[in-house]
């Protein structure tokens, strides 16, 4: 597939709309042997939706296409008015860093840095000012204030999940993507993580898209996509 390179300003003029996220006709294949076709998404700012399906159905692939971590064979992904499929890799990385927060299935932190430092570097790598008070406020809001100086290896699974939420929202994204954020948590931590995630999204007025097979989440999301 040939990638068309266009300046962000030009893409903005072409694709302006009032949606936080729109996808259409997305198709992706692995090694030309396994092909996924995905349903369209039309998500207004601040809206939340859940992508539900069993393991192997392509949920993670769908999220990675939305995040710009993968390029589709065909179709569009429009975030904040920009067709991100048309961005080259450098533009896509910068756009993702400033506009999309991602919670991966497994925590990905720099192990020799503290929780506070992991949030600092998330801002630094995206050329954003390191606002220490904002980081402290976020840690307090996620009940992690006493873990600011702890390294990831010193934190529990529930604490690491909350730190993953913190890192996803530290740059104040317009879109938050979460891949199986609760599947490894017990009922208590599942409810706590989900409530914290929704609250952070609401404070930022960000759209939230969760991909999961965890049926405990269904009742919390009226907007549902089944794969």
C-alpha atoms as a PDB file:
ATOM      1  CA  UNK A   1       0.000   0.000   0.000  1.00  0.00           C
ATOM      2  CA  UNK A   2       1.350   3.411  -0.956  1.00  0.00           C
ATOM      3  CA  UNK A   3       1.274   6.026   1.791  1.00  0.00           C
ATOM      4  CA  UNK A   4       0.230   9.507   0.662  1.00  0.00           C
ATOM      5  CA  UNK A   5       2.160  12.203   2.492  1.00  0.00           C
ATOM      6  CA  UNK A   6       0.266  15.427   3.164  1.00  0.00           C
ATOM      7  CA  UNK A   7       0.904  18.367   5.489  1.00  0.00           C
ATOM      8  CA  UNK A   8      -1.229  18.300   8.626  1.00  0.00           C
ATOM      9  CA  UNK A   9      -2.669  21.726   7.727  1.00  0.00           C
ATOM     10  CA  UNK A  10      -3.937  20.405   4.401  1.00  0.00           C
ATOM     11  CA  UNK A  11      -5.445  17.325   5.986  1.00  0.00           C
ATOM     12  CA  UNK A  12      -7.206  19.583   8.475  1.00  0.00           C
ATOM     13  CA  UNK A  13      -8.815  21.589   5.687  1.00  0.00           C
ATOM     14  CA  UNK A  14     -10.003  18.440   3.968  1.00  0.00           C
ATOM     15  CA  UNK A  15     -11.306  16.481   6.932  1.00  0.00           C
ATOM     16  CA  UNK A  16     -12.756  18.998   9.375  1.00  0.00           C
ATOM     17  CA  UNK A  17     -15.681  17.588  11.366  1.00  0.00           C
ATOM     18  CA  UNK A  18     -16.964  17.741  14.927  1.00  0.00           C
ATOM     19  CA  UNK A  19     -16.281  14.115  15.797  1.00  0.00           C
ATOM     20  CA  UNK A  20     -13.580  12.945  18.189  1.00  0.00           C
ATOM     21  CA  UNK A  21     -13.241   9.682  16.276  1.00  0.00           C
ATOM     22  CA  UNK A  22     -14.588   8.355  12.993  1.00  0.00           C
ATOM     23  CA  UNK A  23     -13.473   5.166  11.276  1.00  0.00           C
ATOM     24  CA  UNK A  24     -14.768   3.869   7.969  1.00  0.00           C
ATOM     25  CA  UNK A  25     -14.186   0.752   5.873  1.00  0.00           C
ATOM     26  CA  UNK A  26     -11.090  -0.356   7.802  1.00  0.00           C
ATOM     27  CA  UNK A  27      -9.435  -3.497   6.463  1.00  0.00           C
ATOM     28  CA  UNK A  28      -6.166  -4.954   7.724  1.00  0.00           C
ATOM     29  CA  UNK A  29      -4.348  -8.172   6.866  1.00  0.00           C
ATOM     30  CA  UNK A  30      -1.477 -10.020   8.526  1.00  0.00           C
ATOM     31  CA  UNK A  31       0.964 -11.472   5.993  1.00  0.00           C
ATOM     32  CA  UNK A  32      -1.852 -11.466   3.433  1.00  0.00           C
ATOM     33  CA  UNK A  33      -3.260 -14.594   5.075  1.00  0.00           C
ATOM     34  CA  UNK A  34      -5.469 -13.327   7.912  1.00  0.00           C
ATOM     35  CA  UNK A  35      -7.725 -10.414   7.010  1.00  0.00           C
ATOM     36  CA  UNK A  36      -9.869  -8.369   9.373  1.00  0.00           C
ATOM     37  CA  UNK A  37     -12.679  -6.040   8.367  1.00  0.00           C
ATOM     38  CA  UNK A  38     -13.896  -3.722  11.104  1.00  0.00           C
ATOM     39  CA  UNK A  39     -17.209  -1.953  11.751  1.00  0.00           C
ATOM     40  CA  UNK A  40     -17.339   1.820  11.457  1.00  0.00           C
ATOM     41  CA  UNK A  41     -17.121   4.035  14.542  1.00  0.00           C
ATOM     42  CA  UNK A  42     -18.673   7.487  14.836  1.00  0.00           C
ATOM     43  CA  UNK A  43     -17.842   8.887  18.271  1.00  0.00           C
ATOM     44  CA  UNK A  44     -18.631  12.436  19.380  1.00  0.00           C
ATOM     45  CA  UNK A  45     -16.330  14.293  21.799  1.00  0.00           C
ATOM     46  CA  UNK A  46     -16.741  13.015  25.337  1.00  0.00           C
ATOM     47  CA  UNK A  47     -18.623   9.879  24.312  1.00  0.00           C
ATOM     48  CA  UNK A  48     -17.587   6.419  25.465  1.00  0.00           C
ATOM     49  CA  UNK A  49     -17.891   3.073  23.707  1.00  0.00           C
ATOM     50  CA  UNK A  50     -16.836  -0.522  24.211  1.00  0.00           C
ATOM     51  CA  UNK A  51     -15.516  -2.986  21.625  1.00  0.00           C
ATOM     52  CA  UNK A  52     -16.477  -6.470  22.782  1.00  0.00           C
ATOM     53  CA  UNK A  53     -15.343  -9.803  21.418  1.00  0.00           C
ATOM     54  CA  UNK A  54     -13.493 -13.039  22.204  1.00  0.00           C
ATOM     55  CA  UNK A  55      -9.723 -13.454  22.090  1.00  0.00           C
ATOM     56  CA  UNK A  56      -8.362 -13.522  18.546  1.00  0.00           C
ATOM     57  CA  UNK A  57     -11.200 -11.560  16.956  1.00  0.00           C
ATOM     58  CA  UNK A  58      -9.018  -8.509  16.241  1.00  0.00           C
ATOM     59  CA  UNK A  59      -9.824  -6.158  19.130  1.00  0.00           C
ATOM     60  CA  UNK A  60      -6.194  -5.194  19.749  1.00  0.00           C
ATOM     61  CA  UNK A  61      -5.592  -4.818  16.014  1.00  0.00           C
ATOM     62  CA  UNK A  62      -8.604  -2.486  15.818  1.00  0.00           C
ATOM     63  CA  UNK A  63      -7.255  -0.316  18.653  1.00  0.00           C
ATOM     64  CA  UNK A  64      -3.780  -0.228  17.093  1.00  0.00           C
ATOM     65  CA  UNK A  65      -5.272   0.932  13.792  1.00  0.00           C
ATOM     66  CA  UNK A  66      -7.156   3.698  15.597  1.00  0.00           C
ATOM     67  CA  UNK A  67      -3.982   4.680  17.474  1.00  0.00           C
ATOM     68  CA  UNK A  68      -1.907   4.776  14.293  1.00  0.00           C
ATOM     69  CA  UNK A  69       0.386   1.994  15.492  1.00  0.00           C
ATOM     70  CA  UNK A  70      -0.676  -0.017  12.432  1.00  0.00           C
ATOM     71  CA  UNK A  71      -1.569   1.143   8.920  1.00  0.00           C
ATOM     72  CA  UNK A  72      -4.719  -0.340   7.367  1.00  0.00           C
ATOM     73  CA  UNK A  73      -4.797  -1.869   3.913  1.00  0.00           C
ATOM     74  CA  UNK A  74      -7.687   0.488   3.231  1.00  0.00           C
ATOM     75  CA  UNK A  75     -10.091   2.760   5.057  1.00  0.00           C
ATOM     76  CA  UNK A  76      -9.956   5.920   7.143  1.00  0.00           C
ATOM     77  CA  UNK A  77      -9.290   6.857  10.749  1.00  0.00           C
ATOM     78  CA  UNK A  78     -10.253  10.463  11.452  1.00  0.00           C
ATOM     79  CA  UNK A  79      -9.393  11.894  14.872  1.00  0.00           C
ATOM     80  CA  UNK A  80     -10.080  15.516  15.725  1.00  0.00           C
ATOM     81  CA  UNK A  81     -10.651  16.198  12.023  1.00  0.00           C
ATOM     82  CA  UNK A  82      -7.372  14.651  10.843  1.00  0.00           C
ATOM     83  CA  UNK A  83      -7.166  11.550   8.667  1.00  0.00           C
ATOM     84  CA  UNK A  84      -4.334   9.892  10.573  1.00  0.00           C
ATOM     85  CA  UNK A  85      -3.879   7.153   7.973  1.00  0.00           C
ATOM     86  CA  UNK A  86      -2.336   9.791   5.695  1.00  0.00           C
ATOM     87  CA  UNK A  87       0.268  10.899   8.228  1.00  0.00           C
ATOM     88  CA  UNK A  88       3.806   9.621   7.772  1.00  0.00           C
ATOM     89  CA  UNK A  89       5.414   7.885  10.754  1.00  0.00           C
ATOM     90  CA  UNK A  90       6.961  10.975  12.355  1.00  0.00           C
ATOM     91  CA  UNK A  91       3.750  12.995  12.098  1.00  0.00           C
ATOM     92  CA  UNK A  92       1.724  10.044  13.365  1.00  0.00           C
ATOM     93  CA  UNK A  93       3.992   9.650  16.408  1.00  0.00           C
ATOM     94  CA  UNK A  94       3.718  13.343  17.300  1.00  0.00           C
ATOM     95  CA  UNK A  95      -0.035  13.390  16.768  1.00  0.00           C
ATOM     96  CA  UNK A  96      -0.530  10.265  18.873  1.00  0.00           C
ATOM     97  CA  UNK A  97       1.647  11.577  21.696  1.00  0.00           C
ATOM     98  CA  UNK A  98      -0.383  14.760  22.055  1.00  0.00           C
ATOM     99  CA  UNK A  99      -3.899  13.575  21.203  1.00  0.00           C
ATOM    100  CA  UNK A 100      -4.218   9.900  22.148  1.00  0.00           C
ATOM    101  CA  UNK A 101      -3.727   8.185  25.491  1.00  0.00           C
ATOM    102  CA  UNK A 102      -3.221   4.413  25.373  1.00  0.00           C
ATOM    103  CA  UNK A 103      -3.622   1.807  28.105  1.00  0.00           C
ATOM    104  CA  UNK A 104      -2.006  -1.406  26.912  1.00  0.00           C
ATOM    105  CA  UNK A 105      -2.921  -4.944  27.974  1.00  0.00           C
ATOM    106  CA  UNK A 106       0.294  -5.222  29.968  1.00  0.00           C
ATOM    107  CA  UNK A 107       1.921  -2.305  31.807  1.00  0.00           C
ATOM    108  CA  UNK A 108       4.853  -0.782  29.939  1.00  0.00           C
ATOM    109  CA  UNK A 109       6.964   1.354  32.239  1.00  0.00           C
ATOM    110  CA  UNK A 110      10.640   2.190  32.508  1.00  0.00           C
ATOM    111  CA  UNK A 111      11.516  -0.079  35.389  1.00  0.00           C
ATOM    112  CA  UNK A 112      14.378   1.950  36.838  1.00  0.00           C
ATOM    113  CA  UNK A 113      12.270   5.119  37.067  1.00  0.00           C
ATOM    114  CA  UNK A 114       9.761   5.927  39.788  1.00  0.00           C
ATOM    115  CA  UNK A 115       6.041   6.319  39.134  1.00  0.00           C
ATOM    116  CA  UNK A 116       6.462  10.108  39.192  1.00  0.00           C
ATOM    117  CA  UNK A 117       9.415   9.978  36.785  1.00  0.00           C
ATOM    118  CA  UNK A 118       7.515   7.723  34.373  1.00  0.00           C
ATOM    119  CA  UNK A 119       4.847  10.418  34.128  1.00  0.00           C
ATOM    120  CA  UNK A 120       7.470  13.146  33.770  1.00  0.00           C
ATOM    121  CA  UNK A 121       9.134  11.404  30.848  1.00  0.00           C
ATOM    122  CA  UNK A 122       5.782  10.825  29.132  1.00  0.00           C
ATOM    123  CA  UNK A 123       5.408  14.604  28.920  1.00  0.00           C
ATOM    124  CA  UNK A 124       9.054  15.233  28.079  1.00  0.00           C
ATOM    125  CA  UNK A 125       9.035  12.807  25.136  1.00  0.00           C
ATOM    126  CA  UNK A 126       6.129  14.727  23.624  1.00  0.00           C
ATOM    127  CA  UNK A 127       7.820  18.108  24.047  1.00  0.00           C
ATOM    128  CA  UNK A 128       5.395  19.158  26.762  1.00  0.00           C
ATOM    129  CA  UNK A 129       6.362  21.102  29.858  1.00  0.00           C
ATOM    130  CA  UNK A 130       6.915  18.948  32.930  1.00  0.00           C
ATOM    131  CA  UNK A 131       4.268  20.310  35.291  1.00  0.00           C
ATOM    132  CA  UNK A 132       5.122  18.710  38.619  1.00  0.00           C
ATOM    133  CA  UNK A 133       1.976  19.961  40.348  1.00  0.00           C
ATOM    134  CA  UNK A 134      -0.204  18.497  37.590  1.00  0.00           C
ATOM    135  CA  UNK A 135       1.543  15.154  38.058  1.00  0.00           C
ATOM    136  CA  UNK A 136       1.065  15.289  41.832  1.00  0.00           C
ATOM    137  CA  UNK A 137      -2.609  16.183  41.381  1.00  0.00           C
ATOM    138  CA  UNK A 138      -3.110  13.268  38.998  1.00  0.00           C
ATOM    139  CA  UNK A 139      -1.404  10.814  41.358  1.00  0.00           C
ATOM    140  CA  UNK A 140      -3.618  12.042  44.203  1.00  0.00           C
ATOM    141  CA  UNK A 141      -6.762  11.647  42.113  1.00  0.00           C
ATOM    142  CA  UNK A 142      -5.808   8.025  41.394  1.00  0.00           C
ATOM    143  CA  UNK A 143      -4.876   7.244  45.010  1.00  0.00           C
ATOM    144  CA  UNK A 144      -1.213   6.886  44.085  1.00  0.00           C
ATOM    145  CA  UNK A 145       0.249   9.834  45.961  1.00  0.00           C
ATOM    146  CA  UNK A 146       2.133   7.553  48.364  1.00  0.00           C
ATOM    147  CA  UNK A 147       3.587   5.618  45.401  1.00  0.00           C
ATOM    148  CA  UNK A 148       5.159   8.617  43.648  1.00  0.00           C
ATOM    149  CA  UNK A 149       8.676   7.503  44.584  1.00  0.00           C
ATOM    150  CA  UNK A 150       8.031   3.782  44.068  1.00  0.00           C
ATOM    151  CA  UNK A 151       9.365   1.882  41.077  1.00  0.00           C
ATOM    152  CA  UNK A 152       6.965  -0.316  39.063  1.00  0.00           C
ATOM    153  CA  UNK A 153       8.425  -3.506  40.574  1.00  0.00           C
ATOM    154  CA  UNK A 154       7.388  -2.233  44.009  1.00  0.00           C
ATOM    155  CA  UNK A 155       3.739  -1.703  43.056  1.00  0.00           C
ATOM    156  CA  UNK A 156       0.757  -4.061  43.105  1.00  0.00           C
ATOM    157  CA  UNK A 157      -1.193  -5.052  40.004  1.00  0.00           C
ATOM    158  CA  UNK A 158      -4.020  -2.681  40.895  1.00  0.00           C
ATOM    159  CA  UNK A 159      -1.559   0.165  41.467  1.00  0.00           C
ATOM    160  CA  UNK A 160       0.144  -0.502  38.135  1.00  0.00           C
ATOM    161  CA  UNK A 161      -3.229  -0.386  36.403  1.00  0.00           C
ATOM    162  CA  UNK A 162      -3.940   3.006  37.982  1.00  0.00           C
ATOM    163  CA  UNK A 163      -0.481   4.195  36.946  1.00  0.00           C
ATOM    164  CA  UNK A 164      -1.291   3.061  33.398  1.00  0.00           C
ATOM    165  CA  UNK A 165      -4.381   5.262  33.530  1.00  0.00           C
ATOM    166  CA  UNK A 166      -2.260   8.151  34.792  1.00  0.00           C
ATOM    167  CA  UNK A 167       0.215   7.811  31.955  1.00  0.00           C
ATOM    168  CA  UNK A 168      -2.589   7.586  29.402  1.00  0.00           C
ATOM    169  CA  UNK A 169      -4.135  10.881  30.536  1.00  0.00           C
ATOM    170  CA  UNK A 170      -1.053  12.869  31.626  1.00  0.00           C
ATOM    171  CA  UNK A 171      -0.856  14.691  28.274  1.00  0.00           C
ATOM    172  CA  UNK A 172      -4.587  15.536  28.378  1.00  0.00           C
ATOM    173  CA  UNK A 173      -5.552  13.644  25.219  1.00  0.00           C
ATOM    174  CA  UNK A 174      -8.810  14.034  23.313  1.00  0.00           C
ATOM    175  CA  UNK A 175      -9.074  10.254  22.888  1.00  0.00           C
ATOM    176  CA  UNK A 176      -8.281   7.462  25.358  1.00  0.00           C
ATOM    177  CA  UNK A 177      -7.873   3.879  24.116  1.00  0.00           C
ATOM    178  CA  UNK A 178      -7.806   1.020  26.617  1.00  0.00           C
ATOM    179  CA  UNK A 179      -6.942  -2.576  25.701  1.00  0.00           C
ATOM    180  CA  UNK A 180      -8.327  -5.104  28.216  1.00  0.00           C
ATOM    181  CA  UNK A 181      -7.914  -2.703  31.155  1.00  0.00           C
ATOM    182  CA  UNK A 182      -9.792  -4.892  33.659  1.00  0.00           C
ATOM    183  CA  UNK A 183      -9.556  -8.509  32.497  1.00  0.00           C
ATOM    184  CA  UNK A 184      -6.791  -9.428  34.963  1.00  0.00           C
ATOM    185  CA  UNK A 185      -8.398  -7.651  37.932  1.00  0.00           C
ATOM    186  CA  UNK A 186     -10.742  -9.024  40.583  1.00  0.00           C
ATOM    187  CA  UNK A 187     -14.230  -7.537  40.883  1.00  0.00           C
ATOM    188  CA  UNK A 188     -13.245  -4.862  43.397  1.00  0.00           C
ATOM    189  CA  UNK A 189     -10.227  -3.632  41.433  1.00  0.00           C
ATOM    190  CA  UNK A 190     -12.176  -3.939  38.171  1.00  0.00           C
ATOM    191  CA  UNK A 191     -14.880  -1.571  39.409  1.00  0.00           C
ATOM    192  CA  UNK A 192     -12.312   0.805  40.888  1.00  0.00           C
ATOM    193  CA  UNK A 193     -10.201   0.922  37.712  1.00  0.00           C
ATOM    194  CA  UNK A 194     -13.240   1.424  35.485  1.00  0.00           C
ATOM    195  CA  UNK A 195     -14.654   4.229  37.629  1.00  0.00           C
ATOM    196  CA  UNK A 196     -11.278   5.968  37.763  1.00  0.00           C
ATOM    197  CA  UNK A 197     -10.827   5.635  34.009  1.00  0.00           C
ATOM    198  CA  UNK A 198     -14.282   7.037  33.244  1.00  0.00           C
ATOM    199  CA  UNK A 199     -13.795   9.862  35.727  1.00  0.00           C
ATOM    200  CA  UNK A 200     -10.472  10.866  34.185  1.00  0.00           C
ATOM    201  CA  UNK A 201     -12.031  10.809  30.707  1.00  0.00           C
ATOM    202  CA  UNK A 202     -14.925  12.972  31.885  1.00  0.00           C
ATOM    203  CA  UNK A 203     -12.597  15.493  33.542  1.00  0.00           C
ATOM    204  CA  UNK A 204     -10.717  15.862  30.241  1.00  0.00           C
ATOM    205  CA  UNK A 205     -13.932  15.717  28.177  1.00  0.00           C
ATOM    206  CA  UNK A 206     -12.130  12.985  26.262  1.00  0.00           C
ATOM    207  CA  UNK A 207     -13.688  10.154  24.300  1.00  0.00           C
ATOM    208  CA  UNK A 208     -13.012   6.698  25.706  1.00  0.00           C
ATOM    209  CA  UNK A 209     -12.832   3.484  23.667  1.00  0.00           C
ATOM    210  CA  UNK A 210     -12.302   0.197  25.514  1.00  0.00           C
ATOM    211  CA  UNK A 211     -11.582  -3.129  23.809  1.00  0.00           C
ATOM    212  CA  UNK A 212     -12.284  -6.135  26.002  1.00  0.00           C
ATOM    213  CA  UNK A 213     -13.793  -9.575  26.414  1.00  0.00           C
ATOM    214  CA  UNK A 214     -14.668  -8.726  30.035  1.00  0.00           C
ATOM    215  CA  UNK A 215     -18.476  -8.930  30.149  1.00  0.00           C
ATOM    216  CA  UNK A 216     -18.520  -7.169  33.523  1.00  0.00           C
ATOM    217  CA  UNK A 217     -18.106  -3.905  31.607  1.00  0.00           C
ATOM    218  CA  UNK A 218     -21.110  -4.253  29.299  1.00  0.00           C
ATOM    219  CA  UNK A 219     -23.640  -2.636  31.615  1.00  0.00           C
ATOM    220  CA  UNK A 220     -21.430   0.446  31.942  1.00  0.00           C
ATOM    221  CA  UNK A 221     -21.402   1.264  28.218  1.00  0.00           C
ATOM    222  CA  UNK A 222     -24.597   1.791  26.201  1.00  0.00           C
ATOM    223  CA  UNK A 223     -22.496   2.309  23.055  1.00  0.00           C
ATOM    224  CA  UNK A 224     -21.276  -1.161  22.077  1.00  0.00           C
ATOM    225  CA  UNK A 225     -19.480  -2.683  19.102  1.00  0.00           C
ATOM    226  CA  UNK A 226     -19.326  -6.467  18.828  1.00  0.00           C
ATOM    227  CA  UNK A 227     -16.617  -8.212  16.791  1.00  0.00           C
END
